[in-house]
Amino acid sequence: MEYEHYEKLNYDHIVVEVNKFADPPISFQLHPIEQDGKYFVLIRVPEFDEVPIVCKKSGEQGKAQYFQDQKLNLNQLLSEVNQK
C-alpha cells in the first residue's frame, strides 16, 4: 500500500466500511506492518462466539489489488505482531 494511505489508517473509519458488508457487525484488530520499505496491514478477525458472520452484500468489482510476485512469510509477520 502507499505510505500516504498507511499513515492515515483509522480503525473507526475502516470498521464502518467493513460492517456495511458483515452481519452481525464485527470488530477486528489492525496491525500496520512496515517491512523492507513496503507497507501492509494485517487484519485479524476473531472467530464468532455464537452467531456466524456472513457477508450481507457484494462489493464493487475491480477495485482490489493483488500481490502476485511478492512472497511474504505470513508466519513471520504473525509472530512479530504477537510480540507487540
C-alpha atoms as a PDB file:
ATOM      1  CA  MET A   1       0.000   0.000   0.000  1.00  0.00           C
ATOM      2  CA  GLU A   2       1.113   3.578  -0.493  1.00  0.00           C
ATOM      3  CA  TYR A   3       2.711   5.199   2.553  1.00  0.00           C
ATOM      4  CA  GLU A   4       0.184   8.058   2.400  1.00  0.00           C
ATOM      5  CA  HIS A   5      -2.624   5.546   2.997  1.00  0.00           C
ATOM      6  CA  TYR A   6      -0.622   3.585   5.564  1.00  0.00           C
ATOM      7  CA  GLU A   7      -0.017   6.602   7.773  1.00  0.00           C
ATOM      8  CA  LYS A   8      -3.703   7.562   7.726  1.00  0.00           C
ATOM      9  CA  LEU A   9      -5.075   4.169   8.835  1.00  0.00           C
ATOM     10  CA  ASN A  10      -8.020   4.733  11.135  1.00  0.00           C
ATOM     11  CA  TYR A  11      -9.819   1.802  12.753  1.00  0.00           C
ATOM     12  CA  ASP A  12     -13.040   3.767  13.252  1.00  0.00           C
ATOM     13  CA  HIS A  13     -13.328   4.592   9.549  1.00  0.00           C
ATOM     14  CA  ILE A  14     -12.402   1.083   8.409  1.00  0.00           C
ATOM     15  CA  VAL A  15     -14.798  -0.733  10.770  1.00  0.00           C
ATOM     16  CA  VAL A  16     -17.717   1.364   9.482  1.00  0.00           C
ATOM     17  CA  GLU A  17     -16.923   0.355   5.891  1.00  0.00           C
ATOM     18  CA  VAL A  18     -16.357  -3.322   6.740  1.00  0.00           C
ATOM     19  CA  ASN A  19     -19.602  -3.531   8.688  1.00  0.00           C
ATOM     20  CA  LYS A  20     -21.557  -2.429   5.627  1.00  0.00           C
ATOM     21  CA  PHE A  21     -20.846  -5.998   4.463  1.00  0.00           C
ATOM     22  CA  ALA A  22     -20.852  -8.028   7.707  1.00  0.00           C
ATOM     23  CA  ASP A  23     -23.854  -9.392   9.549  1.00  0.00           C
ATOM     24  CA  PRO A  24     -23.726  -9.309  12.515  1.00  0.00           C
ATOM     25  CA  PRO A  25     -21.291  -6.374  12.765  1.00  0.00           C
ATOM     26  CA  ILE A  26     -17.741  -7.397  13.591  1.00  0.00           C
ATOM     27  CA  SER A  27     -14.775  -5.974  15.390  1.00  0.00           C
ATOM     28  CA  PHE A  28     -11.219  -6.765  14.457  1.00  0.00           C
ATOM     29  CA  GLN A  29      -7.640  -5.757  15.102  1.00  0.00           C
ATOM     30  CA  LEU A  30      -5.486  -3.780  12.677  1.00  0.00           C
ATOM     31  CA  HIS A  31      -1.749  -4.341  12.727  1.00  0.00           C
ATOM     32  CA  PRO A  32       0.184  -1.948  10.479  1.00  0.00           C
ATOM     33  CA  ILE A  33       3.404  -3.558   9.257  1.00  0.00           C
ATOM     34  CA  GLU A  34       6.392  -1.985   7.530  1.00  0.00           C
ATOM     35  CA  GLN A  35       8.845  -4.470   6.103  1.00  0.00           C
ATOM     36  CA  ASP A  36      11.633  -3.870   3.614  1.00  0.00           C
ATOM     37  CA  GLY A  37      10.245  -0.438   2.761  1.00  0.00           C
ATOM     38  CA  LYS A  38       6.795  -1.867   1.983  1.00  0.00           C
ATOM     39  CA  TYR A  39       3.647  -1.167   3.935  1.00  0.00           C
ATOM     40  CA  PHE A  40       0.942  -3.705   4.817  1.00  0.00           C
ATOM     41  CA  VAL A  41      -1.986  -4.052   7.156  1.00  0.00           C
ATOM     42  CA  LEU A  42      -2.732  -7.333   8.844  1.00  0.00           C
ATOM     43  CA  ILE A  43      -6.401  -7.550   9.780  1.00  0.00           C
ATOM     44  CA  ARG A  44      -7.177 -10.111  12.450  1.00  0.00           C
ATOM     45  CA  VAL A  45     -10.843 -11.110  12.784  1.00  0.00           C
ATOM     46  CA  PRO A  46     -11.709 -13.337  15.755  1.00  0.00           C
ATOM     47  CA  GLU A  47     -13.987 -16.337  15.347  1.00  0.00           C
ATOM     48  CA  PHE A  48     -17.638 -15.733  16.051  1.00  0.00           C
ATOM     49  CA  ASP A  49     -18.923 -16.653  19.523  1.00  0.00           C
ATOM     50  CA  GLU A  50     -22.442 -17.840  18.783  1.00  0.00           C
ATOM     51  CA  VAL A  51     -23.744 -16.415  15.507  1.00  0.00           C
ATOM     52  CA  PRO A  52     -21.730 -16.920  12.289  1.00  0.00           C
ATOM     53  CA  ILE A  53     -20.616 -13.780  10.495  1.00  0.00           C
ATOM     54  CA  VAL A  54     -21.880 -13.645   6.930  1.00  0.00           C
ATOM     55  CA  CYS A  55     -21.384 -11.271   4.042  1.00  0.00           C
ATOM     56  CA  LYS A  56     -24.678  -9.437   3.594  1.00  0.00           C
ATOM     57  CA  LYS A  57     -23.900  -7.814   0.229  1.00  0.00           C
ATOM     58  CA  SER A  58     -21.378  -7.896  -2.592  1.00  0.00           C
ATOM     59  CA  GLY A  59     -18.703  -5.270  -3.050  1.00  0.00           C
ATOM     60  CA  GLU A  60     -17.603  -3.396  -6.143  1.00  0.00           C
ATOM     61  CA  GLN A  61     -15.531  -5.442  -8.542  1.00  0.00           C
ATOM     62  CA  GLY A  62     -12.194  -4.352  -9.954  1.00  0.00           C
ATOM     63  CA  LYS A  63     -11.008  -2.219  -7.056  1.00  0.00           C
ATOM     64  CA  ALA A  64      -8.857  -4.747  -5.196  1.00  0.00           C
ATOM     65  CA  GLN A  65      -5.157  -5.058  -5.884  1.00  0.00           C
ATOM     66  CA  TYR A  66      -3.485  -8.420  -5.560  1.00  0.00           C
ATOM     67  CA  PHE A  67       0.163  -9.106  -4.822  1.00  0.00           C
ATOM     68  CA  GLN A  68       1.259 -11.716  -7.321  1.00  0.00           C
ATOM     69  CA  ASP A  69       5.040 -11.541  -7.295  1.00  0.00           C
ATOM     70  CA  GLN A  70       5.577 -10.833  -3.610  1.00  0.00           C
ATOM     71  CA  LYS A  71       6.209 -13.810  -1.366  1.00  0.00           C
ATOM     72  CA  LEU A  72       5.570 -12.928   2.255  1.00  0.00           C
ATOM     73  CA  ASN A  73       6.316 -15.124   5.191  1.00  0.00           C
ATOM     74  CA  LEU A  74       2.940 -14.846   6.912  1.00  0.00           C
ATOM     75  CA  ASN A  75       4.069 -16.852   9.925  1.00  0.00           C
ATOM     76  CA  GLN A  76       6.935 -14.428  10.492  1.00  0.00           C
ATOM     77  CA  LEU A  77       4.607 -11.423  10.235  1.00  0.00           C
ATOM     78  CA  LEU A  78       2.123 -13.001  12.672  1.00  0.00           C
ATOM     79  CA  SER A  79       4.936 -13.769  15.082  1.00  0.00           C
ATOM     80  CA  GLU A  80       6.074 -10.151  15.011  1.00  0.00           C
ATOM     81  CA  VAL A  81       2.505  -8.915  15.603  1.00  0.00           C
ATOM     82  CA  ASN A  82       2.051 -11.299  18.537  1.00  0.00           C
ATOM     83  CA  GLN A  83       5.182  -9.894  20.173  1.00  0.00           C
ATOM     84  CA  LYS A  84       3.756  -6.340  20.213  1.00  0.00           C
END
